[in-house]
């Protein structure tokens, strides 16, 4: 683990620390649980779509159900990725 300088008090702090031990300044934000939940739900929905497409059960769904599954999966994925992008822009840390 590398040492970084706290932007507030300039003390050296571990790069994995959430807060500076000297002044308490917040060094990094944790990812939003909502972001992870949306991505996981979106992937599960898209996984269900892929499963039904390969098993042949897809044709038993009506077109409204297909559209609802597909749109909700895509919306969840986009919302989760968008929240992650916003979070990364606010914190300035990408990984």
PDB file of N, CA and C in Angstrom:
ATOM      1  N   UNK A   1       0.841  -1.183   0.000  1.00  0.00           N
ATOM      2  CA  UNK A   1       0.000   0.000   0.000  1.00  0.00           C
ATOM      3  C   UNK A   1       0.884   1.244   0.000  1.00  0.00           C
ATOM      4  N   UNK A   2       0.532   2.153  -0.823  1.00  0.00           N
ATOM      5  CA  UNK A   2       1.297   3.384  -0.946  1.00  0.00           C
ATOM      6  C   UNK A   2       0.814   4.417   0.057  1.00  0.00           C
ATOM      7  N   UNK A   3       1.681   5.365   0.316  1.00  0.00           N
ATOM      8  CA  UNK A   3       1.311   6.484   1.180  1.00  0.00           C
ATOM      9  C   UNK A   3       0.981   7.683   0.312  1.00  0.00           C
ATOM     10  N   UNK A   4      -0.090   8.347   0.652  1.00  0.00           N
ATOM     11  CA  UNK A   4      -0.496   9.562  -0.048  1.00  0.00           C
ATOM     12  C   UNK A   4      -0.579  10.692   0.972  1.00  0.00           C
ATOM     13  N   UNK A   5      -0.606  11.911   0.483  1.00  0.00           N
ATOM     14  CA  UNK A   5      -0.747  13.061   1.384  1.00  0.00           C
ATOM     15  C   UNK A   5      -2.209  13.451   1.498  1.00  0.00           C
ATOM     16  N   UNK A   6      -2.630  13.722   2.706  1.00  0.00           N
ATOM     17  CA  UNK A   6      -3.986  14.208   2.937  1.00  0.00           C
ATOM     18  C   UNK A   6      -4.097  15.599   2.321  1.00  0.00           C
ATOM     19  N   UNK A   7      -5.116  15.864   1.506  1.00  0.00           N
ATOM     20  CA  UNK A   7      -5.254  17.185   0.889  1.00  0.00           C
ATOM     21  C   UNK A   7      -5.552  18.287   1.906  1.00  0.00           C
ATOM     22  N   UNK A   8      -6.027  17.899   3.079  1.00  0.00           N
ATOM     23  CA  UNK A   8      -6.406  18.882   4.093  1.00  0.00           C
ATOM     24  C   UNK A   8      -5.226  19.266   4.986  1.00  0.00           C
ATOM     25  N   UNK A   9      -4.543  18.252   5.571  1.00  0.00           N
ATOM     26  CA  UNK A   9      -3.498  18.553   6.557  1.00  0.00           C
ATOM     27  C   UNK A   9      -2.099  18.177   6.088  1.00  0.00           C
ATOM     28  N   UNK A  10      -1.969  17.545   4.917  1.00  0.00           N
ATOM     29  CA  UNK A  10      -0.701  17.162   4.304  1.00  0.00           C
ATOM     30  C   UNK A  10       0.051  16.051   5.039  1.00  0.00           C
ATOM     31  N   UNK A  11      -0.575  15.366   5.990  1.00  0.00           N
ATOM     32  CA  UNK A  11       0.052  14.220   6.639  1.00  0.00           C
ATOM     33  C   UNK A  11       0.025  13.029   5.696  1.00  0.00           C
ATOM     34  N   UNK A  12       1.000  12.121   5.845  1.00  0.00           N
ATOM     35  CA  UNK A  12       1.015  10.917   5.025  1.00  0.00           C
ATOM     36  C   UNK A  12       0.020   9.909   5.579  1.00  0.00           C
ATOM     37  N   UNK A  13      -0.762   9.355   4.656  1.00  0.00           N
ATOM     38  CA  UNK A  13      -1.839   8.440   5.012  1.00  0.00           C
ATOM     39  C   UNK A  13      -1.784   7.260   4.047  1.00  0.00           C
ATOM     40  N   UNK A  14      -2.201   6.094   4.499  1.00  0.00           N
ATOM     41  CA  UNK A  14      -2.280   4.923   3.627  1.00  0.00           C
ATOM     42  C   UNK A  14      -3.292   5.189   2.507  1.00  0.00           C
ATOM     43  N   UNK A  15      -2.976   4.705   1.321  1.00  0.00           N
ATOM     44  CA  UNK A  15      -3.882   4.908   0.183  1.00  0.00           C
ATOM     45  C   UNK A  15      -5.187   4.132   0.334  1.00  0.00           C
ATOM     46  N   UNK A  16      -5.228   3.169   1.224  1.00  0.00           N
ATOM     47  CA  UNK A  16      -6.463   2.403   1.425  1.00  0.00           C
ATOM     48  C   UNK A  16      -7.345   2.985   2.531  1.00  0.00           C
ATOM     49  N   UNK A  17      -6.874   4.025   3.208  1.00  0.00           N
ATOM     50  CA  UNK A  17      -7.652   4.627   4.303  1.00  0.00           C
ATOM     51  C   UNK A  17      -8.839   5.401   3.747  1.00  0.00           C
ATOM     52  N   UNK A  18      -9.949   5.346   4.463  1.00  0.00           N
ATOM     53  CA  UNK A  18     -11.135   6.111   4.056  1.00  0.00           C
ATOM     54  C   UNK A  18     -11.062   7.544   4.564  1.00  0.00           C
ATOM     55  N   UNK A  19     -10.509   7.714   5.754  1.00  0.00           N
ATOM     56  CA  UNK A  19     -10.394   9.041   6.374  1.00  0.00           C
ATOM     57  C   UNK A  19      -8.963   9.245   6.846  1.00  0.00           C
ATOM     58  N   UNK A  20      -8.547  10.489   6.920  1.00  0.00           N
ATOM     59  CA  UNK A  20      -7.230  10.824   7.460  1.00  0.00           C
ATOM     60  C   UNK A  20      -7.270  10.622   8.979  1.00  0.00           C
ATOM     61  N   UNK A  21      -6.309   9.873   9.555  1.00  0.00           N
ATOM     62  CA  UNK A  21      -6.315   9.671  10.995  1.00  0.00           C
ATOM     63  C   UNK A  21      -5.965  10.945  11.777  1.00  0.00           C
ATOM     64  N   UNK A  22      -5.314  11.899  11.127  1.00  0.00           N
ATOM     65  CA  UNK A  22      -4.929  13.135  11.815  1.00  0.00           C
ATOM     66  C   UNK A  22      -6.072  14.135  11.910  1.00  0.00           C
ATOM     67  N   UNK A  23      -6.686  14.422  10.762  1.00  0.00           N
ATOM     68  CA  UNK A  23      -7.709  15.482  10.755  1.00  0.00           C
ATOM     69  C   UNK A  23      -9.120  14.959  10.497  1.00  0.00           C
ATOM     70  N   UNK A  24      -9.252  13.685  10.072  1.00  0.00           N
ATOM     71  CA  UNK A  24     -10.571  13.123   9.822  1.00  0.00           C
ATOM     72  C   UNK A  24     -11.131  13.426   8.445  1.00  0.00           C
ATOM     73  N   UNK A  25     -10.345  14.077   7.585  1.00  0.00           N
ATOM     74  CA  UNK A  25     -10.806  14.422   6.238  1.00  0.00           C
ATOM     75  C   UNK A  25     -11.139  13.143   5.460  1.00  0.00           C
ATOM     76  N   UNK A  26     -12.278  13.135   4.769  1.00  0.00           N
ATOM     77  CA  UNK A  26     -12.710  11.967   3.983  1.00  0.00           C
ATOM     78  C   UNK A  26     -11.834  11.880   2.738  1.00  0.00           C
ATOM     79  N   UNK A  27     -11.141  10.751   2.578  1.00  0.00           N
ATOM     80  CA  UNK A  27     -10.209  10.582   1.463  1.00  0.00           C
ATOM     81  C   UNK A  27     -10.841   9.887   0.266  1.00  0.00           C
ATOM     82  N   UNK A  28     -11.770   8.999   0.519  1.00  0.00           N
ATOM     83  CA  UNK A  28     -12.418   8.304  -0.596  1.00  0.00           C
ATOM     84  C   UNK A  28     -13.840   7.934  -0.206  1.00  0.00           C
ATOM     85  N   UNK A  29     -14.658   7.800  -1.220  1.00  0.00           N
ATOM     86  CA  UNK A  29     -16.057   7.441  -1.040  1.00  0.00           C
ATOM     87  C   UNK A  29     -16.218   5.960  -1.321  1.00  0.00           C
ATOM     88  N   UNK A  30     -17.077   5.310  -0.589  1.00  0.00           N
ATOM     89  CA  UNK A  30     -17.427   3.936  -0.911  1.00  0.00           C
ATOM     90  C   UNK A  30     -18.471   3.946  -2.012  1.00  0.00           C
ATOM     91  N   UNK A  31     -18.473   2.892  -2.799  1.00  0.00           N
ATOM     92  CA  UNK A  31     -19.463   2.784  -3.868  1.00  0.00           C
ATOM     93  C   UNK A  31     -20.860   2.652  -3.278  1.00  0.00           C
ATOM     94  N   UNK A  32     -21.794   3.216  -3.963  1.00  0.00           N
ATOM     95  CA  UNK A  32     -23.179   3.183  -3.527  1.00  0.00           C
ATOM     96  C   UNK A  32     -23.748   1.770  -3.646  1.00  0.00           C
ATOM     97  N   UNK A  33     -24.403   1.267  -2.591  1.00  0.00           N
ATOM     98  CA  UNK A  33     -25.036  -0.055  -2.694  1.00  0.00           C
ATOM     99  C   UNK A  33     -26.122  -0.090  -3.771  1.00  0.00           C
ATOM    100  N   UNK A  34     -26.761   1.054  -3.999  1.00  0.00           N
ATOM    101  CA  UNK A  34     -27.790   1.124  -5.037  1.00  0.00           C
ATOM    102  C   UNK A  34     -27.194   0.848  -6.409  1.00  0.00           C
ATOM    103  N   UNK A  35     -25.997   1.347  -6.647  1.00  0.00           N
ATOM    104  CA  UNK A  35     -25.331   1.119  -7.922  1.00  0.00           C
ATOM    105  C   UNK A  35     -25.117  -0.373  -8.144  1.00  0.00           C
ATOM    106  N   UNK A  36     -24.581  -1.059  -7.138  1.00  0.00           N
ATOM    107  CA  UNK A  36     -24.350  -2.488  -7.267  1.00  0.00           C
ATOM    108  C   UNK A  36     -25.662  -3.245  -7.437  1.00  0.00           C
ATOM    109  N   UNK A  37     -26.679  -2.860  -6.703  1.00  0.00           N
ATOM    110  CA  UNK A  37     -27.969  -3.542  -6.780  1.00  0.00           C
ATOM    111  C   UNK A  37     -28.558  -3.413  -8.177  1.00  0.00           C
ATOM    112  N   UNK A  38     -28.505  -2.229  -8.757  1.00  0.00           N
ATOM    113  CA  UNK A  38     -29.065  -2.030 -10.095  1.00  0.00           C
ATOM    114  C   UNK A  38     -28.323  -2.837 -11.142  1.00  0.00           C
ATOM    115  N   UNK A  39     -27.009  -2.876 -11.049  1.00  0.00           N
ATOM    116  CA  UNK A  39     -26.236  -3.649 -12.021  1.00  0.00           C
ATOM    117  C   UNK A  39     -26.543  -5.137 -11.871  1.00  0.00           C
ATOM    118  N   UNK A  40     -26.607  -5.633 -10.631  1.00  0.00           N
ATOM    119  CA  UNK A  40     -26.893  -7.054 -10.411  1.00  0.00           C
ATOM    120  C   UNK A  40     -28.294  -7.420 -10.893  1.00  0.00           C
ATOM    121  N   UNK A  41     -29.278  -6.582 -10.598  1.00  0.00           N
ATOM    122  CA  UNK A  41     -30.653  -6.845 -11.052  1.00  0.00           C
ATOM    123  C   UNK A  41     -30.711  -6.836 -12.580  1.00  0.00           C
ATOM    124  N   UNK A  42     -30.037  -5.864 -13.180  1.00  0.00           N
ATOM    125  CA  UNK A  42     -30.010  -5.796 -14.642  1.00  0.00           C
ATOM    126  C   UNK A  42     -29.380  -7.033 -15.254  1.00  0.00           C
ATOM    127  N   UNK A  43     -28.270  -7.489 -14.667  1.00  0.00           N
ATOM    128  CA  UNK A  43     -27.620  -8.693 -15.184  1.00  0.00           C
ATOM    129  C   UNK A  43     -28.493  -9.930 -14.995  1.00  0.00           C
ATOM    130  N   UNK A  44     -29.190 -10.015 -13.864  1.00  0.00           N
ATOM    131  CA  UNK A  44     -30.094 -11.143 -13.645  1.00  0.00           C
ATOM    132  C   UNK A  44     -31.228 -11.157 -14.673  1.00  0.00           C
ATOM    133  N   UNK A  45     -31.790 -10.000 -14.946  1.00  0.00           N
ATOM    134  CA  UNK A  45     -32.876  -9.924 -15.924  1.00  0.00           C
ATOM    135  C   UNK A  45     -32.368 -10.300 -17.315  1.00  0.00           C
ATOM    136  N   UNK A  46     -31.199  -9.773 -17.681  1.00  0.00           N
ATOM    137  CA  UNK A  46     -30.650 -10.120 -18.987  1.00  0.00           C
ATOM    138  C   UNK A  46     -30.264 -11.605 -19.038  1.00  0.00           C
ATOM    139  N   UNK A  47     -29.839 -12.166 -17.898  1.00  0.00           N
ATOM    140  CA  UNK A  47     -29.560 -13.595 -17.831  1.00  0.00           C
ATOM    141  C   UNK A  47     -30.821 -14.421 -18.043  1.00  0.00           C
ATOM    142  N   UNK A  48     -31.930 -13.975 -17.453  1.00  0.00           N
ATOM    143  CA  UNK A  48     -33.210 -14.665 -17.666  1.00  0.00           C
ATOM    144  C   UNK A  48     -33.616 -14.619 -19.139  1.00  0.00           C
ATOM    145  N   UNK A  49     -33.405 -13.471 -19.749  1.00  0.00           N
ATOM    146  CA  UNK A  49     -33.738 -13.343 -21.174  1.00  0.00           C
ATOM    147  C   UNK A  49     -32.894 -14.319 -21.989  1.00  0.00           C
ATOM    148  N   UNK A  50     -31.587 -14.376 -21.691  1.00  0.00           N
ATOM    149  CA  UNK A  50     -30.704 -15.288 -22.431  1.00  0.00           C
ATOM    150  C   UNK A  50     -31.119 -16.746 -22.206  1.00  0.00           C
ATOM    151  N   UNK A  51     -31.489 -17.081 -20.977  1.00  0.00           N
ATOM    152  CA  UNK A  51     -31.917 -18.455 -20.671  1.00  0.00           C
ATOM    153  C   UNK A  51     -33.168 -18.822 -21.471  1.00  0.00           C
ATOM    154  N   UNK A  52     -34.165 -17.964 -21.428  1.00  0.00           N
ATOM    155  CA  UNK A  52     -35.408 -18.276 -22.127  1.00  0.00           C
ATOM    156  C   UNK A  52     -35.221 -18.295 -23.642  1.00  0.00           C
ATOM    157  N   UNK A  53     -34.286 -17.490 -24.138  1.00  0.00           N
ATOM    158  CA  UNK A  53     -34.024 -17.497 -25.575  1.00  0.00           C
ATOM    159  C   UNK A  53     -33.402 -18.822 -26.008  1.00  0.00           C
ATOM    160  N   UNK A  54     -32.539 -19.394 -25.170  1.00  0.00           N
ATOM    161  CA  UNK A  54     -31.845 -20.622 -25.569  1.00  0.00           C
ATOM    162  C   UNK A  54     -32.659 -21.878 -25.292  1.00  0.00           C
ATOM    163  N   UNK A  55     -33.591 -21.847 -24.358  1.00  0.00           N
ATOM    164  CA  UNK A  55     -34.362 -23.051 -24.031  1.00  0.00           C
ATOM    165  C   UNK A  55     -35.609 -23.200 -24.883  1.00  0.00           C
ATOM    166  N   UNK A  56     -35.993 -22.191 -25.603  1.00  0.00           N
ATOM    167  CA  UNK A  56     -37.195 -22.286 -26.423  1.00  0.00           C
ATOM    168  C   UNK A  56     -38.447 -21.825 -25.694  1.00  0.00           C
ATOM    169  N   UNK A  57     -38.346 -21.598 -24.383  1.00  0.00           N
ATOM    170  CA  UNK A  57     -39.509 -21.119 -23.635  1.00  0.00           C
ATOM    171  C   UNK A  57     -39.841 -19.672 -23.975  1.00  0.00           C
ATOM    172  N   UNK A  58     -38.946 -19.017 -24.674  1.00  0.00           N
ATOM    173  CA  UNK A  58     -39.112 -17.601 -25.022  1.00  0.00           C
ATOM    174  C   UNK A  58     -40.395 -17.384 -25.821  1.00  0.00           C
ATOM    175  N   UNK A  59     -40.746 -18.344 -26.641  1.00  0.00           N
ATOM    176  CA  UNK A  59     -41.898 -18.176 -27.523  1.00  0.00           C
ATOM    177  C   UNK A  59     -43.216 -18.316 -26.780  1.00  0.00           C
ATOM    178  N   UNK A  60     -43.170 -18.823 -25.540  1.00  0.00           N
ATOM    179  CA  UNK A  60     -44.379 -18.900 -24.732  1.00  0.00           C
ATOM    180  C   UNK A  60     -44.719 -17.567 -24.083  1.00  0.00           C
ATOM    181  N   UNK A  61     -43.738 -16.678 -24.001  1.00  0.00           N
ATOM    182  CA  UNK A  61     -44.001 -15.326 -23.476  1.00  0.00           C
ATOM    183  C   UNK A  61     -44.749 -14.533 -24.532  1.00  0.00           C
ATOM    184  N   UNK A  62     -45.580 -13.608 -24.057  1.00  0.00           N
ATOM    185  CA  UNK A  62     -46.178 -12.704 -25.033  1.00  0.00           C
ATOM    186  C   UNK A  62     -45.204 -11.554 -25.278  1.00  0.00           C
ATOM    187  N   UNK A  63     -45.447 -10.793 -26.307  1.00  0.00           N
ATOM    188  CA  UNK A  63     -44.499  -9.746 -26.690  1.00  0.00           C
ATOM    189  C   UNK A  63     -44.376  -8.665 -25.616  1.00  0.00           C
ATOM    190  N   UNK A  64     -45.437  -8.418 -24.842  1.00  0.00           N
ATOM    191  CA  UNK A  64     -45.361  -7.419 -23.773  1.00  0.00           C
ATOM    192  C   UNK A  64     -44.402  -7.838 -22.683  1.00  0.00           C
ATOM    193  N   UNK A  65     -44.403  -9.117 -22.321  1.00  0.00           N
ATOM    194  CA  UNK A  65     -43.484  -9.622 -21.297  1.00  0.00           C
ATOM    195  C   UNK A  65     -42.047  -9.549 -21.772  1.00  0.00           C
ATOM    196  N   UNK A  66     -41.826  -9.874 -23.033  1.00  0.00           N
ATOM    197  CA  UNK A  66     -40.477  -9.808 -23.589  1.00  0.00           C
ATOM    198  C   UNK A  66     -39.957  -8.376 -23.533  1.00  0.00           C
ATOM    199  N   UNK A  67     -40.779  -7.451 -23.962  1.00  0.00           N
ATOM    200  CA  UNK A  67     -40.363  -6.052 -23.982  1.00  0.00           C
ATOM    201  C   UNK A  67     -40.107  -5.544 -22.576  1.00  0.00           C
ATOM    202  N   UNK A  68     -40.964  -5.897 -21.638  1.00  0.00           N
ATOM    203  CA  UNK A  68     -40.799  -5.452 -20.254  1.00  0.00           C
ATOM    204  C   UNK A  68     -39.512  -5.988 -19.652  1.00  0.00           C
ATOM    205  N   UNK A  69     -39.218  -7.272 -19.857  1.00  0.00           N
ATOM    206  CA  UNK A  69     -37.975  -7.860 -19.351  1.00  0.00           C
ATOM    207  C   UNK A  69     -36.758  -7.184 -19.955  1.00  0.00           C
ATOM    208  N   UNK A  70     -36.760  -7.012 -21.253  1.00  0.00           N
ATOM    209  CA  UNK A  70     -35.627  -6.427 -21.936  1.00  0.00           C
ATOM    210  C   UNK A  70     -35.412  -4.977 -21.520  1.00  0.00           C
ATOM    211  N   UNK A  71     -36.464  -4.200 -21.507  1.00  0.00           N
ATOM    212  CA  UNK A  71     -36.345  -2.784 -21.153  1.00  0.00           C
ATOM    213  C   UNK A  71     -35.929  -2.624 -19.693  1.00  0.00           C
ATOM    214  N   UNK A  72     -36.506  -3.412 -18.784  1.00  0.00           N
ATOM    215  CA  UNK A  72     -36.148  -3.268 -17.369  1.00  0.00           C
ATOM    216  C   UNK A  72     -34.700  -3.682 -17.132  1.00  0.00           C
ATOM    217  N   UNK A  73     -34.219  -4.713 -17.807  1.00  0.00           N
ATOM    218  CA  UNK A  73     -32.819  -5.112 -17.678  1.00  0.00           C
ATOM    219  C   UNK A  73     -31.873  -4.039 -18.168  1.00  0.00           C
ATOM    220  N   UNK A  74     -32.179  -3.473 -19.312  1.00  0.00           N
ATOM    221  CA  UNK A  74     -31.325  -2.427 -19.876  1.00  0.00           C
ATOM    222  C   UNK A  74     -31.360  -1.174 -19.005  1.00  0.00           C
ATOM    223  N   UNK A  75     -32.537  -0.796 -18.510  1.00  0.00           N
ATOM    224  CA  UNK A  75     -32.650   0.391 -17.650  1.00  0.00           C
ATOM    225  C   UNK A  75     -31.848   0.204 -16.361  1.00  0.00           C
ATOM    226  N   UNK A  76     -31.936  -0.965 -15.747  1.00  0.00           N
ATOM    227  CA  UNK A  76     -31.172  -1.222 -14.515  1.00  0.00           C
ATOM    228  C   UNK A  76     -29.675  -1.148 -14.770  1.00  0.00           C
ATOM    229  N   UNK A  77     -29.218  -1.742 -15.857  1.00  0.00           N
ATOM    230  CA  UNK A  77     -27.795  -1.686 -16.170  1.00  0.00           C
ATOM    231  C   UNK A  77     -27.323  -0.263 -16.429  1.00  0.00           C
ATOM    232  N   UNK A  78     -28.072   0.475 -17.227  1.00  0.00           N
ATOM    233  CA  UNK A  78     -27.680   1.850 -17.541  1.00  0.00           C
ATOM    234  C   UNK A  78     -27.697   2.714 -16.287  1.00  0.00           C
ATOM    235  N   UNK A  79     -28.724   2.550 -15.442  1.00  0.00           N
ATOM    236  CA  UNK A  79     -28.798   3.339 -14.210  1.00  0.00           C
ATOM    237  C   UNK A  79     -27.629   3.018 -13.290  1.00  0.00           C
ATOM    238  N   UNK A  80     -27.279   1.749 -13.139  1.00  0.00           N
ATOM    239  CA  UNK A  80     -26.148   1.372 -12.296  1.00  0.00           C
ATOM    240  C   UNK A  80     -24.841   1.922 -12.827  1.00  0.00           C
ATOM    241  N   UNK A  81     -24.637   1.820 -14.137  1.00  0.00           N
ATOM    242  CA  UNK A  81     -23.415   2.358 -14.731  1.00  0.00           C
ATOM    243  C   UNK A  81     -23.370   3.881 -14.631  1.00  0.00           C
ATOM    244  N   UNK A  82     -24.506   4.532 -14.814  1.00  0.00           N
ATOM    245  CA  UNK A  82     -24.576   5.988 -14.704  1.00  0.00           C
ATOM    246  C   UNK A  82     -24.256   6.437 -13.279  1.00  0.00           C
ATOM    247  N   UNK A  83     -24.824   5.739 -12.281  1.00  0.00           N
ATOM    248  CA  UNK A  83     -24.519   6.078 -10.893  1.00  0.00           C
ATOM    249  C   UNK A  83     -23.037   5.884 -10.596  1.00  0.00           C
ATOM    250  N   UNK A  84     -22.455   4.830 -11.137  1.00  0.00           N
ATOM    251  CA  UNK A  84     -21.028   4.606 -10.957  1.00  0.00           C
ATOM    252  C   UNK A  84     -20.195   5.701 -11.593  1.00  0.00           C
ATOM    253  N   UNK A  85     -20.591   6.141 -12.784  1.00  0.00           N
ATOM    254  CA  UNK A  85     -19.870   7.210 -13.467  1.00  0.00           C
ATOM    255  C   UNK A  85     -19.959   8.506 -12.676  1.00  0.00           C
ATOM    256  N   UNK A  86     -21.140   8.844 -12.186  1.00  0.00           N
ATOM    257  CA  UNK A  86     -21.322  10.054 -11.383  1.00  0.00           C
ATOM    258  C   UNK A  86     -20.466   9.985 -10.126  1.00  0.00           C
ATOM    259  N   UNK A  87     -20.461   8.836  -9.479  1.00  0.00           N
ATOM    260  CA  UNK A  87     -19.684   8.637  -8.251  1.00  0.00           C
ATOM    261  C   UNK A  87     -18.192   8.816  -8.534  1.00  0.00           C
ATOM    262  N   UNK A  88     -17.732   8.269  -9.657  1.00  0.00           N
ATOM    263  CA  UNK A  88     -16.317   8.390 -10.015  1.00  0.00           C
ATOM    264  C   UNK A  88     -15.947   9.817 -10.377  1.00  0.00           C
ATOM    265  N   UNK A  89     -16.829  10.537 -11.010  1.00  0.00           N
ATOM    266  CA  UNK A  89     -16.560  11.933 -11.346  1.00  0.00           C
ATOM    267  C   UNK A  89     -16.487  12.763 -10.078  1.00  0.00           C
ATOM    268  N   UNK A  90     -17.387  12.496  -9.111  1.00  0.00           N
ATOM    269  CA  UNK A  90     -17.377  13.264  -7.863  1.00  0.00           C
ATOM    270  C   UNK A  90     -16.103  13.018  -7.055  1.00  0.00           C
ATOM    271  N   UNK A  91     -15.676  11.778  -6.985  1.00  0.00           N
ATOM    272  CA  UNK A  91     -14.508  11.448  -6.170  1.00  0.00           C
ATOM    273  C   UNK A  91     -13.205  11.642  -6.905  1.00  0.00           C
ATOM    274  N   UNK A  92     -13.239  11.599  -8.223  1.00  0.00           N
ATOM    275  CA  UNK A  92     -12.016  11.736  -9.007  1.00  0.00           C
ATOM    276  C   UNK A  92     -11.201  10.459  -9.049  1.00  0.00           C
ATOM    277  N   UNK A  93     -11.739   9.368  -8.523  1.00  0.00           N
ATOM    278  CA  UNK A  93     -11.022   8.085  -8.520  1.00  0.00           C
ATOM    279  C   UNK A  93     -11.770   7.108  -9.394  1.00  0.00           C
ATOM    280  N   UNK A  94     -11.059   6.477 -10.301  1.00  0.00           N
ATOM    281  CA  UNK A  94     -11.703   5.600 -11.268  1.00  0.00           C
ATOM    282  C   UNK A  94     -11.578   4.137 -10.908  1.00  0.00           C
ATOM    283  N   UNK A  95     -10.567   3.728 -10.149  1.00  0.00           N
ATOM    284  CA  UNK A  95     -10.447   2.318  -9.789  1.00  0.00           C
ATOM    285  C   UNK A  95     -10.021   2.165  -8.377  1.00  0.00           C
TER     286      UNK A  95
END
